[in-house]
Amino acid sequence: MNEPKTKKTKKTKKKRIFRQSKKLQELIVILLQDSPMSWLALLRKVRQTAPYWSRKLKPDSPTVKFNVEALLQKGIITQDDQGVYHATKTW
């Protein structure tokens, strides 16, 4: 018979976030190289572009936020006083 779908646990969600990280970070940096943008604009642009970039990318807000924070920590992107993100290095 049909088995009920299992709920995604936090652990499986984290695994998915880490699997998508490299491609997603690359996409974020490339988008920010074209033009600096705010958090909402960046999230919208990533969601629009991701399916064309890689079929497996289905970014939700926490996934994008996690990767933006990782890039900020690495110093690849910066955030100014107005909250606009800028790419400091090329991918």
PDB file of N, CA and C in Angstrom:
ATOM      1  N   MET A   1       0.841  -1.184   0.000  1.00  0.00           N
ATOM      2  CA  MET A   1       0.000   0.000   0.000  1.00  0.00           C
ATOM      3  C   MET A   1       0.885   1.246   0.000  1.00  0.00           C
ATOM      4  N   ASN A   2       0.222   2.365   0.028  1.00  0.00           N
ATOM      5  CA  ASN A   2       0.964   3.626   0.069  1.00  0.00           C
ATOM      6  C   ASN A   2       1.495   3.884   1.471  1.00  0.00           C
ATOM      7  N   GLU A   3       2.777   4.120   1.539  1.00  0.00           N
ATOM      8  CA  GLU A   3       3.373   4.423   2.833  1.00  0.00           C
ATOM      9  C   GLU A   3       3.280   5.920   3.086  1.00  0.00           C
ATOM     10  N   PRO A   4       3.043   6.308   4.327  1.00  0.00           N
ATOM     11  CA  PRO A   4       2.975   7.750   4.615  1.00  0.00           C
ATOM     12  C   PRO A   4       4.345   8.390   4.450  1.00  0.00           C
ATOM     13  N   LYS A   5       4.327   9.622   3.997  1.00  0.00           N
ATOM     14  CA  LYS A   5       5.593  10.331   3.828  1.00  0.00           C
ATOM     15  C   LYS A   5       6.199  10.610   5.196  1.00  0.00           C
ATOM     16  N   THR A   6       7.487  10.449   5.288  1.00  0.00           N
ATOM     17  CA  THR A   6       8.147  10.738   6.557  1.00  0.00           C
ATOM     18  C   THR A   6       8.420  12.229   6.650  1.00  0.00           C
ATOM     19  N   LYS A   7       8.337  12.726   7.855  1.00  0.00           N
ATOM     20  CA  LYS A   7       8.609  14.145   8.054  1.00  0.00           C
ATOM     21  C   LYS A   7      10.108  14.376   7.964  1.00  0.00           C
ATOM     22  N   LYS A   8      10.468  15.516   7.403  1.00  0.00           N
ATOM     23  CA  LYS A   8      11.885  15.855   7.341  1.00  0.00           C
ATOM     24  C   LYS A   8      12.334  16.303   8.724  1.00  0.00           C
ATOM     25  N   THR A   9      13.369  15.698   9.195  1.00  0.00           N
ATOM     26  CA  THR A   9      13.894  16.104  10.492  1.00  0.00           C
ATOM     27  C   THR A   9      14.899  17.223  10.288  1.00  0.00           C
ATOM     28  N   LYS A  10      15.302  17.820  11.389  1.00  0.00           N
ATOM     29  CA  LYS A  10      16.290  18.893  11.298  1.00  0.00           C
ATOM     30  C   LYS A  10      17.592  18.365  10.703  1.00  0.00           C
ATOM     31  N   LYS A  11      17.930  17.119  11.032  1.00  0.00           N
ATOM     32  CA  LYS A  11      19.179  16.551  10.544  1.00  0.00           C
ATOM     33  C   LYS A  11      19.167  16.407   9.021  1.00  0.00           C
ATOM     34  N   THR A  12      18.074  15.915   8.466  1.00  0.00           N
ATOM     35  CA  THR A  12      18.016  15.757   7.012  1.00  0.00           C
ATOM     36  C   THR A  12      17.988  17.115   6.330  1.00  0.00           C
ATOM     37  N   LYS A  13      17.355  18.096   6.975  1.00  0.00           N
ATOM     38  CA  LYS A  13      17.316  19.441   6.400  1.00  0.00           C
ATOM     39  C   LYS A  13      18.726  20.033   6.370  1.00  0.00           C
ATOM     40  N   LYS A  14      19.499  19.818   7.449  1.00  0.00           N
ATOM     41  CA  LYS A  14      20.875  20.322   7.485  1.00  0.00           C
ATOM     42  C   LYS A  14      21.726  19.652   6.416  1.00  0.00           C
ATOM     43  N   LYS A  15      21.531  18.360   6.213  1.00  0.00           N
ATOM     44  CA  LYS A  15      22.286  17.652   5.176  1.00  0.00           C
ATOM     45  C   LYS A  15      22.010  18.259   3.812  1.00  0.00           C
ATOM     46  N   ARG A  16      20.723  18.563   3.552  1.00  0.00           N
ATOM     47  CA  ARG A  16      20.348  19.147   2.272  1.00  0.00           C
ATOM     48  C   ARG A  16      20.981  20.524   2.111  1.00  0.00           C
ATOM     49  N   ILE A  17      20.998  21.298   3.184  1.00  0.00           N
ATOM     50  CA  ILE A  17      21.605  22.630   3.137  1.00  0.00           C
ATOM     51  C   ILE A  17      23.083  22.517   2.790  1.00  0.00           C
ATOM     52  N   PHE A  18      23.791  21.582   3.420  1.00  0.00           N
ATOM     53  CA  PHE A  18      25.218  21.433   3.150  1.00  0.00           C
ATOM     54  C   PHE A  18      25.488  20.919   1.743  1.00  0.00           C
ATOM     55  N   ARG A  19      24.618  20.049   1.230  1.00  0.00           N
ATOM     56  CA  ARG A  19      24.800  19.539  -0.132  1.00  0.00           C
ATOM     57  C   ARG A  19      24.674  20.653  -1.158  1.00  0.00           C
ATOM     58  N   GLN A  20      23.779  21.590  -0.900  1.00  0.00           N
ATOM     59  CA  GLN A  20      23.536  22.660  -1.859  1.00  0.00           C
ATOM     60  C   GLN A  20      24.522  23.810  -1.717  1.00  0.00           C
ATOM     61  N   SER A  21      25.277  23.833  -0.640  1.00  0.00           N
ATOM     62  CA  SER A  21      26.072  25.005  -0.290  1.00  0.00           C
ATOM     63  C   SER A  21      27.005  25.495  -1.383  1.00  0.00           C
ATOM     64  N   LYS A  22      27.835  24.631  -1.921  1.00  0.00           N
ATOM     65  CA  LYS A  22      28.852  25.086  -2.867  1.00  0.00           C
ATOM     66  C   LYS A  22      28.234  25.748  -4.101  1.00  0.00           C
ATOM     67  N   LYS A  23      27.263  25.084  -4.709  1.00  0.00           N
ATOM     68  CA  LYS A  23      26.611  25.648  -5.895  1.00  0.00           C
ATOM     69  C   LYS A  23      25.898  26.950  -5.557  1.00  0.00           C
ATOM     70  N   LEU A  24      25.217  26.955  -4.419  1.00  0.00           N
ATOM     71  CA  LEU A  24      24.440  28.123  -4.028  1.00  0.00           C
ATOM     72  C   LEU A  24      25.349  29.311  -3.717  1.00  0.00           C
ATOM     73  N   GLN A  25      26.456  29.060  -3.037  1.00  0.00           N
ATOM     74  CA  GLN A  25      27.405  30.134  -2.732  1.00  0.00           C
ATOM     75  C   GLN A  25      27.987  30.705  -4.013  1.00  0.00           C
ATOM     76  N   GLU A  26      28.288  29.841  -4.954  1.00  0.00           N
ATOM     77  CA  GLU A  26      28.810  30.295  -6.244  1.00  0.00           C
ATOM     78  C   GLU A  26      27.785  31.189  -6.945  1.00  0.00           C
ATOM     79  N   LEU A  27      26.535  30.775  -6.929  1.00  0.00           N
ATOM     80  CA  LEU A  27      25.464  31.557  -7.545  1.00  0.00           C
ATOM     81  C   LEU A  27      25.297  32.913  -6.859  1.00  0.00           C
ATOM     82  N   ILE A  28      25.334  32.939  -5.529  1.00  0.00           N
ATOM     83  CA  ILE A  28      25.180  34.188  -4.772  1.00  0.00           C
ATOM     84  C   ILE A  28      26.282  35.170  -5.127  1.00  0.00           C
ATOM     85  N   VAL A  29      27.527  34.696  -5.169  1.00  0.00           N
ATOM     86  CA  VAL A  29      28.657  35.578  -5.488  1.00  0.00           C
ATOM     87  C   VAL A  29      28.526  36.123  -6.906  1.00  0.00           C
ATOM     88  N   ILE A  30      28.155  35.281  -7.851  1.00  0.00           N
ATOM     89  CA  ILE A  30      28.014  35.732  -9.240  1.00  0.00           C
ATOM     90  C   ILE A  30      26.909  36.781  -9.361  1.00  0.00           C
ATOM     91  N   LEU A  31      25.796  36.569  -8.664  1.00  0.00           N
ATOM     92  CA  LEU A  31      24.707  37.554  -8.702  1.00  0.00           C
ATOM     93  C   LEU A  31      25.136  38.882  -8.086  1.00  0.00           C
ATOM     94  N   LEU A  32      25.906  38.818  -6.997  1.00  0.00           N
ATOM     95  CA  LEU A  32      26.345  40.050  -6.337  1.00  0.00           C
ATOM     96  C   LEU A  32      27.442  40.759  -7.121  1.00  0.00           C
ATOM     97  N   GLN A  33      28.183  40.035  -7.954  1.00  0.00           N
ATOM     98  CA  GLN A  33      29.189  40.683  -8.799  1.00  0.00           C
ATOM     99  C   GLN A  33      28.502  41.560  -9.838  1.00  0.00           C
ATOM    100  N   ASP A  34      27.348  41.094 -10.335  1.00  0.00           N
ATOM    101  CA  ASP A  34      26.600  41.878 -11.319  1.00  0.00           C
ATOM    102  C   ASP A  34      26.099  43.176 -10.715  1.00  0.00           C
ATOM    103  N   SER A  35      25.468  43.085  -9.548  1.00  0.00           N
ATOM    104  CA  SER A  35      24.985  44.292  -8.876  1.00  0.00           C
ATOM    105  C   SER A  35      24.760  44.005  -7.399  1.00  0.00           C
ATOM    106  N   PRO A  36      25.178  44.938  -6.532  1.00  0.00           N
ATOM    107  CA  PRO A  36      24.914  44.780  -5.098  1.00  0.00           C
ATOM    108  C   PRO A  36      23.400  44.815  -4.848  1.00  0.00           C
ATOM    109  N   MET A  37      22.928  44.057  -3.864  1.00  0.00           N
ATOM    110  CA  MET A  37      21.486  44.055  -3.585  1.00  0.00           C
ATOM    111  C   MET A  37      21.192  43.762  -2.129  1.00  0.00           C
ATOM    112  N   SER A  38      19.980  44.107  -1.721  1.00  0.00           N
ATOM    113  CA  SER A  38      19.535  43.887  -0.348  1.00  0.00           C
ATOM    114  C   SER A  38      19.189  42.410  -0.149  1.00  0.00           C
ATOM    115  N   TRP A  39      18.861  42.058   1.114  1.00  0.00           N
ATOM    116  CA  TRP A  39      18.556  40.667   1.435  1.00  0.00           C
ATOM    117  C   TRP A  39      17.353  40.158   0.637  1.00  0.00           C
ATOM    118  N   LEU A  40      16.257  40.920   0.617  1.00  0.00           N
ATOM    119  CA  LEU A  40      15.058  40.452  -0.085  1.00  0.00           C
ATOM    120  C   LEU A  40      15.272  40.358  -1.590  1.00  0.00           C
ATOM    121  N   ALA A  41      15.981  41.325  -2.135  1.00  0.00           N
ATOM    122  CA  ALA A  41      16.262  41.290  -3.575  1.00  0.00           C
ATOM    123  C   ALA A  41      17.148  40.087  -3.911  1.00  0.00           C
ATOM    124  N   LEU A  42      18.135  39.832  -3.051  1.00  0.00           N
ATOM    125  CA  LEU A  42      19.034  38.695  -3.263  1.00  0.00           C
ATOM    126  C   LEU A  42      18.261  37.379  -3.178  1.00  0.00           C
ATOM    127  N   LEU A  43      17.413  37.251  -2.166  1.00  0.00           N
ATOM    128  CA  LEU A  43      16.618  36.033  -2.003  1.00  0.00           C
ATOM    129  C   LEU A  43      15.717  35.805  -3.219  1.00  0.00           C
ATOM    130  N   ARG A  44      15.074  36.846  -3.683  1.00  0.00           N
ATOM    131  CA  ARG A  44      14.190  36.752  -4.850  1.00  0.00           C
ATOM    132  C   ARG A  44      14.977  36.340  -6.093  1.00  0.00           C
ATOM    133  N   LYS A  45      16.129  36.968  -6.295  1.00  0.00           N
ATOM    134  CA  LYS A  45      16.950  36.688  -7.477  1.00  0.00           C
ATOM    135  C   LYS A  45      17.485  35.250  -7.447  1.00  0.00           C
ATOM    136  N   VAL A  46      17.912  34.797  -6.264  1.00  0.00           N
ATOM    137  CA  VAL A  46      18.419  33.427  -6.130  1.00  0.00           C
ATOM    138  C   VAL A  46      17.304  32.431  -6.441  1.00  0.00           C
ATOM    139  N   ARG A  47      16.108  32.683  -5.917  1.00  0.00           N
ATOM    140  CA  ARG A  47      14.988  31.771  -6.178  1.00  0.00           C
ATOM    141  C   ARG A  47      14.612  31.733  -7.649  1.00  0.00           C
ATOM    142  N   GLN A  48      14.734  32.872  -8.332  1.00  0.00           N
ATOM    143  CA  GLN A  48      14.417  32.907  -9.763  1.00  0.00           C
ATOM    144  C   GLN A  48      15.474  32.179 -10.581  1.00  0.00           C
ATOM    145  N   THR A  49      16.728  32.354 -10.210  1.00  0.00           N
ATOM    146  CA  THR A  49      17.842  31.861 -11.016  1.00  0.00           C
ATOM    147  C   THR A  49      18.221  30.417 -10.708  1.00  0.00           C
ATOM    148  N   ALA A  50      18.038  29.968  -9.481  1.00  0.00           N
ATOM    149  CA  ALA A  50      18.523  28.659  -9.040  1.00  0.00           C
ATOM    150  C   ALA A  50      18.064  27.482  -9.899  1.00  0.00           C
ATOM    151  N   PRO A  51      16.799  27.382 -10.281  1.00  0.00           N
ATOM    152  CA  PRO A  51      16.398  26.215 -11.090  1.00  0.00           C
ATOM    153  C   PRO A  51      17.127  26.127 -12.429  1.00  0.00           C
ATOM    154  N   TYR A  52      17.484  27.275 -12.997  1.00  0.00           N
ATOM    155  CA  TYR A  52      18.215  27.273 -14.268  1.00  0.00           C
ATOM    156  C   TYR A  52      19.692  26.971 -14.037  1.00  0.00           C
ATOM    157  N   TRP A  53      20.191  27.357 -12.876  1.00  0.00           N
ATOM    158  CA  TRP A  53      21.592  27.172 -12.533  1.00  0.00           C
ATOM    159  C   TRP A  53      21.893  25.692 -12.314  1.00  0.00           C
ATOM    160  N   SER A  54      21.065  25.042 -11.526  1.00  0.00           N
ATOM    161  CA  SER A  54      21.230  23.620 -11.258  1.00  0.00           C
ATOM    162  C   SER A  54      19.857  23.058 -10.900  1.00  0.00           C
ATOM    163  N   ARG A  55      19.451  22.001 -11.563  1.00  0.00           N
ATOM    164  CA  ARG A  55      18.109  21.460 -11.346  1.00  0.00           C
ATOM    165  C   ARG A  55      17.875  21.037  -9.900  1.00  0.00           C
ATOM    166  N   LYS A  56      18.940  20.658  -9.204  1.00  0.00           N
ATOM    167  CA  LYS A  56      18.782  20.161  -7.840  1.00  0.00           C
ATOM    168  C   LYS A  56      18.636  21.280  -6.808  1.00  0.00           C
ATOM    169  N   LEU A  57      18.919  22.516  -7.207  1.00  0.00           N
ATOM    170  CA  LEU A  57      18.812  23.611  -6.248  1.00  0.00           C
ATOM    171  C   LEU A  57      17.359  24.026  -6.077  1.00  0.00           C
ATOM    172  N   LYS A  58      16.876  23.921  -4.854  1.00  0.00           N
ATOM    173  CA  LYS A  58      15.544  24.416  -4.522  1.00  0.00           C
ATOM    174  C   LYS A  58      15.684  25.211  -3.225  1.00  0.00           C
ATOM    175  N   PRO A  59      16.273  26.397  -3.323  1.00  0.00           N
ATOM    176  CA  PRO A  59      16.615  27.109  -2.094  1.00  0.00           C
ATOM    177  C   PRO A  59      15.408  27.713  -1.385  1.00  0.00           C
ATOM    178  N   ASP A  60      15.362  27.509  -0.076  1.00  0.00           N
ATOM    179  CA  ASP A  60      14.386  28.204   0.735  1.00  0.00           C
ATOM    180  C   ASP A  60      15.135  29.286   1.516  1.00  0.00           C
ATOM    181  N   SER A  61      14.410  30.078   2.239  1.00  0.00           N
ATOM    182  CA  SER A  61      15.010  31.215   2.931  1.00  0.00           C
ATOM    183  C   SER A  61      16.132  30.817   3.903  1.00  0.00           C
ATOM    184  N   PRO A  62      15.946  29.789   4.767  1.00  0.00           N
ATOM    185  CA  PRO A  62      17.036  29.423   5.686  1.00  0.00           C
ATOM    186  C   PRO A  62      18.298  28.952   4.965  1.00  0.00           C
ATOM    187  N   THR A  63      18.125  28.255   3.851  1.00  0.00           N
ATOM    188  CA  THR A  63      19.280  27.765   3.097  1.00  0.00           C
ATOM    189  C   THR A  63      20.086  28.924   2.536  1.00  0.00           C
ATOM    190  N   VAL A  64      19.397  29.893   1.960  1.00  0.00           N
ATOM    191  CA  VAL A  64      20.079  31.058   1.389  1.00  0.00           C
ATOM    192  C   VAL A  64      20.738  31.860   2.505  1.00  0.00           C
ATOM    193  N   LYS A  65      20.029  32.054   3.611  1.00  0.00           N
ATOM    194  CA  LYS A  65      20.572  32.824   4.740  1.00  0.00           C
ATOM    195  C   LYS A  65      21.835  32.156   5.285  1.00  0.00           C
ATOM    196  N   PHE A  66      21.801  30.829   5.429  1.00  0.00           N
ATOM    197  CA  PHE A  66      22.948  30.073   5.914  1.00  0.00           C
ATOM    198  C   PHE A  66      24.165  30.302   5.013  1.00  0.00           C
ATOM    199  N   ASN A  67      23.953  30.266   3.709  1.00  0.00           N
ATOM    200  CA  ASN A  67      25.051  30.423   2.763  1.00  0.00           C
ATOM    201  C   ASN A  67      25.552  31.861   2.685  1.00  0.00           C
ATOM    202  N   VAL A  68      24.658  32.832   2.819  1.00  0.00           N
ATOM    203  CA  VAL A  68      25.078  34.235   2.837  1.00  0.00           C
ATOM    204  C   VAL A  68      25.937  34.490   4.073  1.00  0.00           C
ATOM    205  N   GLU A  69      25.514  33.957   5.227  1.00  0.00           N
ATOM    206  CA  GLU A  69      26.296  34.127   6.452  1.00  0.00           C
ATOM    207  C   GLU A  69      27.662  33.457   6.332  1.00  0.00           C
ATOM    208  N   ALA A  70      27.715  32.299   5.688  1.00  0.00           N
ATOM    209  CA  ALA A  70      28.990  31.606   5.486  1.00  0.00           C
ATOM    210  C   ALA A  70      29.922  32.443   4.611  1.00  0.00           C
ATOM    211  N   LEU A  71      29.374  33.045   3.561  1.00  0.00           N
ATOM    212  CA  LEU A  71      30.182  33.893   2.674  1.00  0.00           C
ATOM    213  C   LEU A  71      30.645  35.159   3.390  1.00  0.00           C
ATOM    214  N   LEU A  72      29.802  35.705   4.263  1.00  0.00           N
ATOM    215  CA  LEU A  72      30.195  36.881   5.048  1.00  0.00           C
ATOM    216  C   LEU A  72      31.368  36.533   5.964  1.00  0.00           C
ATOM    217  N   GLN A  73      31.302  35.373   6.612  1.00  0.00           N
ATOM    218  CA  GLN A  73      32.374  34.947   7.513  1.00  0.00           C
ATOM    219  C   GLN A  73      33.685  34.712   6.767  1.00  0.00           C
ATOM    220  N   LYS A  74      33.597  34.191   5.559  1.00  0.00           N
ATOM    221  CA  LYS A  74      34.802  33.944   4.761  1.00  0.00           C
ATOM    222  C   LYS A  74      35.374  35.229   4.180  1.00  0.00           C
ATOM    223  N   GLY A  75      34.591  36.312   4.187  1.00  0.00           N
ATOM    224  CA  GLY A  75      35.054  37.583   3.640  1.00  0.00           C
ATOM    225  C   GLY A  75      34.895  37.687   2.134  1.00  0.00           C
ATOM    226  N   ILE A  76      34.137  36.800   1.541  1.00  0.00           N
ATOM    227  CA  ILE A  76      33.933  36.828   0.091  1.00  0.00           C
ATOM    228  C   ILE A  76      32.915  37.904  -0.281  1.00  0.00           C
ATOM    229  N   ILE A  77      31.926  38.116   0.606  1.00  0.00           N
ATOM    230  CA  ILE A  77      30.977  39.211   0.401  1.00  0.00           C
ATOM    231  C   ILE A  77      30.959  40.082   1.657  1.00  0.00           C
ATOM    232  N   THR A  78      30.498  41.320   1.509  1.00  0.00           N
ATOM    233  CA  THR A  78      30.375  42.232   2.647  1.00  0.00           C
ATOM    234  C   THR A  78      28.974  42.825   2.664  1.00  0.00           C
ATOM    235  N   GLN A  79      28.635  43.393   3.819  1.00  0.00           N
ATOM    236  CA  GLN A  79      27.342  44.053   3.966  1.00  0.00           C
ATOM    237  C   GLN A  79      27.597  45.462   4.476  1.00  0.00           C
ATOM    238  N   ASP A  80      27.017  46.464   3.803  1.00  0.00           N
ATOM    239  CA  ASP A  80      27.241  47.843   4.237  1.00  0.00           C
ATOM    240  C   ASP A  80      26.198  48.262   5.280  1.00  0.00           C
ATOM    241  N   ASP A  81      26.244  49.547   5.682  1.00  0.00           N
ATOM    242  CA  ASP A  81      25.364  50.054   6.738  1.00  0.00           C
ATOM    243  C   ASP A  81      23.883  49.956   6.386  1.00  0.00           C
ATOM    244  N   GLN A  82      23.557  50.073   5.111  1.00  0.00           N
ATOM    245  CA  GLN A  82      22.159  50.011   4.680  1.00  0.00           C
ATOM    246  C   GLN A  82      21.663  48.565   4.525  1.00  0.00           C
ATOM    247  N   GLY A  83      22.526  47.592   4.734  1.00  0.00           N
ATOM    248  CA  GLY A  83      22.133  46.193   4.605  1.00  0.00           C
ATOM    249  C   GLY A  83      22.264  45.649   3.201  1.00  0.00           C
ATOM    250  N   VAL A  84      23.005  46.359   2.349  1.00  0.00           N
ATOM    251  CA  VAL A  84      23.194  45.922   0.965  1.00  0.00           C
ATOM    252  C   VAL A  84      24.445  45.042   0.899  1.00  0.00           C
ATOM    253  N   TYR A  85      24.319  43.904   0.233  1.00  0.00           N
ATOM    254  CA  TYR A  85      25.436  42.967   0.098  1.00  0.00           C
ATOM    255  C   TYR A  85      26.253  43.292  -1.148  1.00  0.00           C
ATOM    256  N   HIS A  86      27.588  43.184  -1.019  1.00  0.00           N
ATOM    257  CA  HIS A  86      28.514  43.432  -2.123  1.00  0.00           C
ATOM    258  C   HIS A  86      29.483  42.256  -2.216  1.00  0.00           C
ATOM    259  N   ALA A  87      29.850  41.874  -3.426  1.00  0.00           N
ATOM    260  CA  ALA A  87      30.862  40.832  -3.622  1.00  0.00           C
ATOM    261  C   ALA A  87      32.232  41.496  -3.595  1.00  0.00           C
ATOM    262  N   THR A  88      33.144  40.976  -2.761  1.00  0.00           N
ATOM    263  CA  THR A  88      34.485  41.543  -2.687  1.00  0.00           C
ATOM    264  C   THR A  88      35.478  40.749  -3.526  1.00  0.00           C
ATOM    265  N   LYS A  89      35.184  39.471  -3.740  1.00  0.00           N
ATOM    266  CA  LYS A  89      36.073  38.612  -4.519  1.00  0.00           C
ATOM    267  C   LYS A  89      35.275  37.944  -5.623  1.00  0.00           C
ATOM    268  N   THR A  90      35.976  37.489  -6.647  1.00  0.00           N
ATOM    269  CA  THR A  90      35.300  36.745  -7.710  1.00  0.00           C
ATOM    270  C   THR A  90      35.287  35.272  -7.342  1.00  0.00           C
ATOM    271  N   TRP A  91      34.383  34.540  -7.912  1.00  0.00           N
ATOM    272  CA  TRP A  91      34.291  33.108  -7.599  1.00  0.00           C
ATOM    273  C   TRP A  91      35.292  32.324  -8.384  1.00  0.00           C
TER     274      TRP A  91
END
